[in-house]
């Protein structure tokens, strides 16, 4: 799969995660977080920039974060970063 498409899809799923946690829809947010973790594996890790590879690894931190608003903020941040990378 093309990395741009995979990054765009990842960004959209992360945005859904952020909205779910922000709205208090934890079941929906957790489901999309599972999708994010699956989607991450579709990305060819040799072609993106090193900072993107680091952020792809940092997504795991969303699973262990306890504060839902912090999770929402982090997911939104990652979403924007991956969306920008896909647009380049």
C-alpha atoms as a PDB file:
ATOM      1  CA  UNK A   1       0.000   0.000   0.000  1.00  0.00           C
ATOM      2  CA  UNK A   2       1.156   3.512  -0.760  1.00  0.00           C
ATOM      3  CA  UNK A   3       2.569   5.238   2.339  1.00  0.00           C
ATOM      4  CA  UNK A   4       0.641   8.447   1.628  1.00  0.00           C
ATOM      5  CA  UNK A   5      -2.660   6.586   1.681  1.00  0.00           C
ATOM      6  CA  UNK A   6      -1.666   4.657   4.803  1.00  0.00           C
ATOM      7  CA  UNK A   7      -0.538   7.855   6.572  1.00  0.00           C
ATOM      8  CA  UNK A   8      -3.772   9.621   5.604  1.00  0.00           C
ATOM      9  CA  UNK A   9      -5.840   6.715   6.903  1.00  0.00           C
ATOM     10  CA  UNK A  10      -3.795   6.617  10.085  1.00  0.00           C
ATOM     11  CA  UNK A  11      -4.322  10.351  10.571  1.00  0.00           C
ATOM     12  CA  UNK A  12      -8.094   9.994  10.133  1.00  0.00           C
ATOM     13  CA  UNK A  13      -8.283   7.117  12.609  1.00  0.00           C
ATOM     14  CA  UNK A  14      -6.228   9.103  15.127  1.00  0.00           C
ATOM     15  CA  UNK A  15      -8.595  12.030  14.701  1.00  0.00           C
ATOM     16  CA  UNK A  16     -11.488   9.688  15.493  1.00  0.00           C
ATOM     17  CA  UNK A  17      -9.618   8.477  18.573  1.00  0.00           C
ATOM     18  CA  UNK A  18      -9.132  12.082  19.700  1.00  0.00           C
ATOM     19  CA  UNK A  19     -12.798  12.950  19.168  1.00  0.00           C
ATOM     20  CA  UNK A  20     -13.931   9.813  20.970  1.00  0.00           C
ATOM     21  CA  UNK A  21     -11.860  10.493  24.072  1.00  0.00           C
ATOM     22  CA  UNK A  22     -12.750  14.173  24.052  1.00  0.00           C
ATOM     23  CA  UNK A  23     -16.480  13.385  23.914  1.00  0.00           C
ATOM     24  CA  UNK A  24     -16.232  10.643  26.517  1.00  0.00           C
ATOM     25  CA  UNK A  25     -17.045   7.865  24.026  1.00  0.00           C
ATOM     26  CA  UNK A  26     -14.380   5.536  25.348  1.00  0.00           C
ATOM     27  CA  UNK A  27     -15.667   2.394  23.613  1.00  0.00           C
ATOM     28  CA  UNK A  28     -15.564   4.123  20.225  1.00  0.00           C
ATOM     29  CA  UNK A  29     -12.164   5.678  20.953  1.00  0.00           C
ATOM     30  CA  UNK A  30     -10.668   2.360  22.031  1.00  0.00           C
ATOM     31  CA  UNK A  31     -12.022   0.638  18.914  1.00  0.00           C
ATOM     32  CA  UNK A  32     -10.409   3.234  16.658  1.00  0.00           C
ATOM     33  CA  UNK A  33      -7.197   2.989  18.679  1.00  0.00           C
ATOM     34  CA  UNK A  34      -7.131  -0.715  17.806  1.00  0.00           C
ATOM     35  CA  UNK A  35      -7.550   0.259  14.147  1.00  0.00           C
ATOM     36  CA  UNK A  36      -4.676   2.733  14.480  1.00  0.00           C
ATOM     37  CA  UNK A  37      -2.392   0.025  15.834  1.00  0.00           C
ATOM     38  CA  UNK A  38      -3.302  -2.273  12.916  1.00  0.00           C
ATOM     39  CA  UNK A  39      -2.988   0.511  10.352  1.00  0.00           C
ATOM     40  CA  UNK A  40       0.454   1.430  11.656  1.00  0.00           C
ATOM     41  CA  UNK A  41       1.741  -1.936  10.449  1.00  0.00           C
ATOM     42  CA  UNK A  42       0.748  -1.068   6.852  1.00  0.00           C
ATOM     43  CA  UNK A  43       3.309   1.728   6.683  1.00  0.00           C
ATOM     44  CA  UNK A  44       6.679   0.952   5.131  1.00  0.00           C
ATOM     45  CA  UNK A  45       9.030   2.041   7.902  1.00  0.00           C
ATOM     46  CA  UNK A  46      12.069   2.422   5.653  1.00  0.00           C
ATOM     47  CA  UNK A  47      10.712   5.266   3.537  1.00  0.00           C
ATOM     48  CA  UNK A  48       9.319   7.832   6.020  1.00  0.00           C
ATOM     49  CA  UNK A  49      11.486  10.396   7.739  1.00  0.00           C
ATOM     50  CA  UNK A  50      13.096   9.300  11.038  1.00  0.00           C
ATOM     51  CA  UNK A  51      10.860  11.586  13.099  1.00  0.00           C
ATOM     52  CA  UNK A  52       7.772   9.846  11.655  1.00  0.00           C
ATOM     53  CA  UNK A  53       9.165   6.438  12.571  1.00  0.00           C
ATOM     54  CA  UNK A  54       9.631   7.716  16.139  1.00  0.00           C
ATOM     55  CA  UNK A  55       6.045   9.003  16.235  1.00  0.00           C
ATOM     56  CA  UNK A  56       4.784   5.675  14.898  1.00  0.00           C
ATOM     57  CA  UNK A  57       6.461   3.999  17.887  1.00  0.00           C
ATOM     58  CA  UNK A  58       5.105   6.651  20.281  1.00  0.00           C
ATOM     59  CA  UNK A  59       1.523   5.729  19.391  1.00  0.00           C
ATOM     60  CA  UNK A  60       1.871   2.863  21.879  1.00  0.00           C
ATOM     61  CA  UNK A  61       1.904   5.456  24.655  1.00  0.00           C
ATOM     62  CA  UNK A  62      -1.772   6.137  23.942  1.00  0.00           C
ATOM     63  CA  UNK A  63      -2.611   2.644  25.210  1.00  0.00           C
ATOM     64  CA  UNK A  64      -1.125   3.236  28.661  1.00  0.00           C
ATOM     65  CA  UNK A  65      -2.064   6.893  29.232  1.00  0.00           C
ATOM     66  CA  UNK A  66      -4.723   7.147  31.944  1.00  0.00           C
ATOM     67  CA  UNK A  67      -5.906  10.732  31.434  1.00  0.00           C
ATOM     68  CA  UNK A  68      -8.480  10.715  28.631  1.00  0.00           C
ATOM     69  CA  UNK A  69      -7.989  14.403  27.787  1.00  0.00           C
ATOM     70  CA  UNK A  70      -4.236  13.865  27.461  1.00  0.00           C
ATOM     71  CA  UNK A  71      -4.966  10.881  25.207  1.00  0.00           C
ATOM     72  CA  UNK A  72      -7.249  13.055  23.096  1.00  0.00           C
ATOM     73  CA  UNK A  73      -4.635  15.802  22.798  1.00  0.00           C
ATOM     74  CA  UNK A  74      -1.849  13.373  21.910  1.00  0.00           C
ATOM     75  CA  UNK A  75      -3.990  11.548  19.347  1.00  0.00           C
ATOM     76  CA  UNK A  76      -4.915  14.860  17.730  1.00  0.00           C
ATOM     77  CA  UNK A  77      -1.264  15.930  17.646  1.00  0.00           C
ATOM     78  CA  UNK A  78      -0.212  12.673  15.985  1.00  0.00           C
ATOM     79  CA  UNK A  79      -3.120  12.989  13.579  1.00  0.00           C
ATOM     80  CA  UNK A  80      -1.986  16.408  12.414  1.00  0.00           C
ATOM     81  CA  UNK A  81       1.645  15.305  12.098  1.00  0.00           C
ATOM     82  CA  UNK A  82       0.772  12.252   9.991  1.00  0.00           C
ATOM     83  CA  UNK A  83      -1.702  14.226   7.899  1.00  0.00           C
ATOM     84  CA  UNK A  84       0.977  16.823   7.134  1.00  0.00           C
ATOM     85  CA  UNK A  85       3.442  14.060   6.244  1.00  0.00           C
ATOM     86  CA  UNK A  86       0.912  12.516   3.870  1.00  0.00           C
ATOM     87  CA  UNK A  87       0.346  15.833   2.125  1.00  0.00           C
ATOM     88  CA  UNK A  88       4.049  16.398   1.389  1.00  0.00           C
END
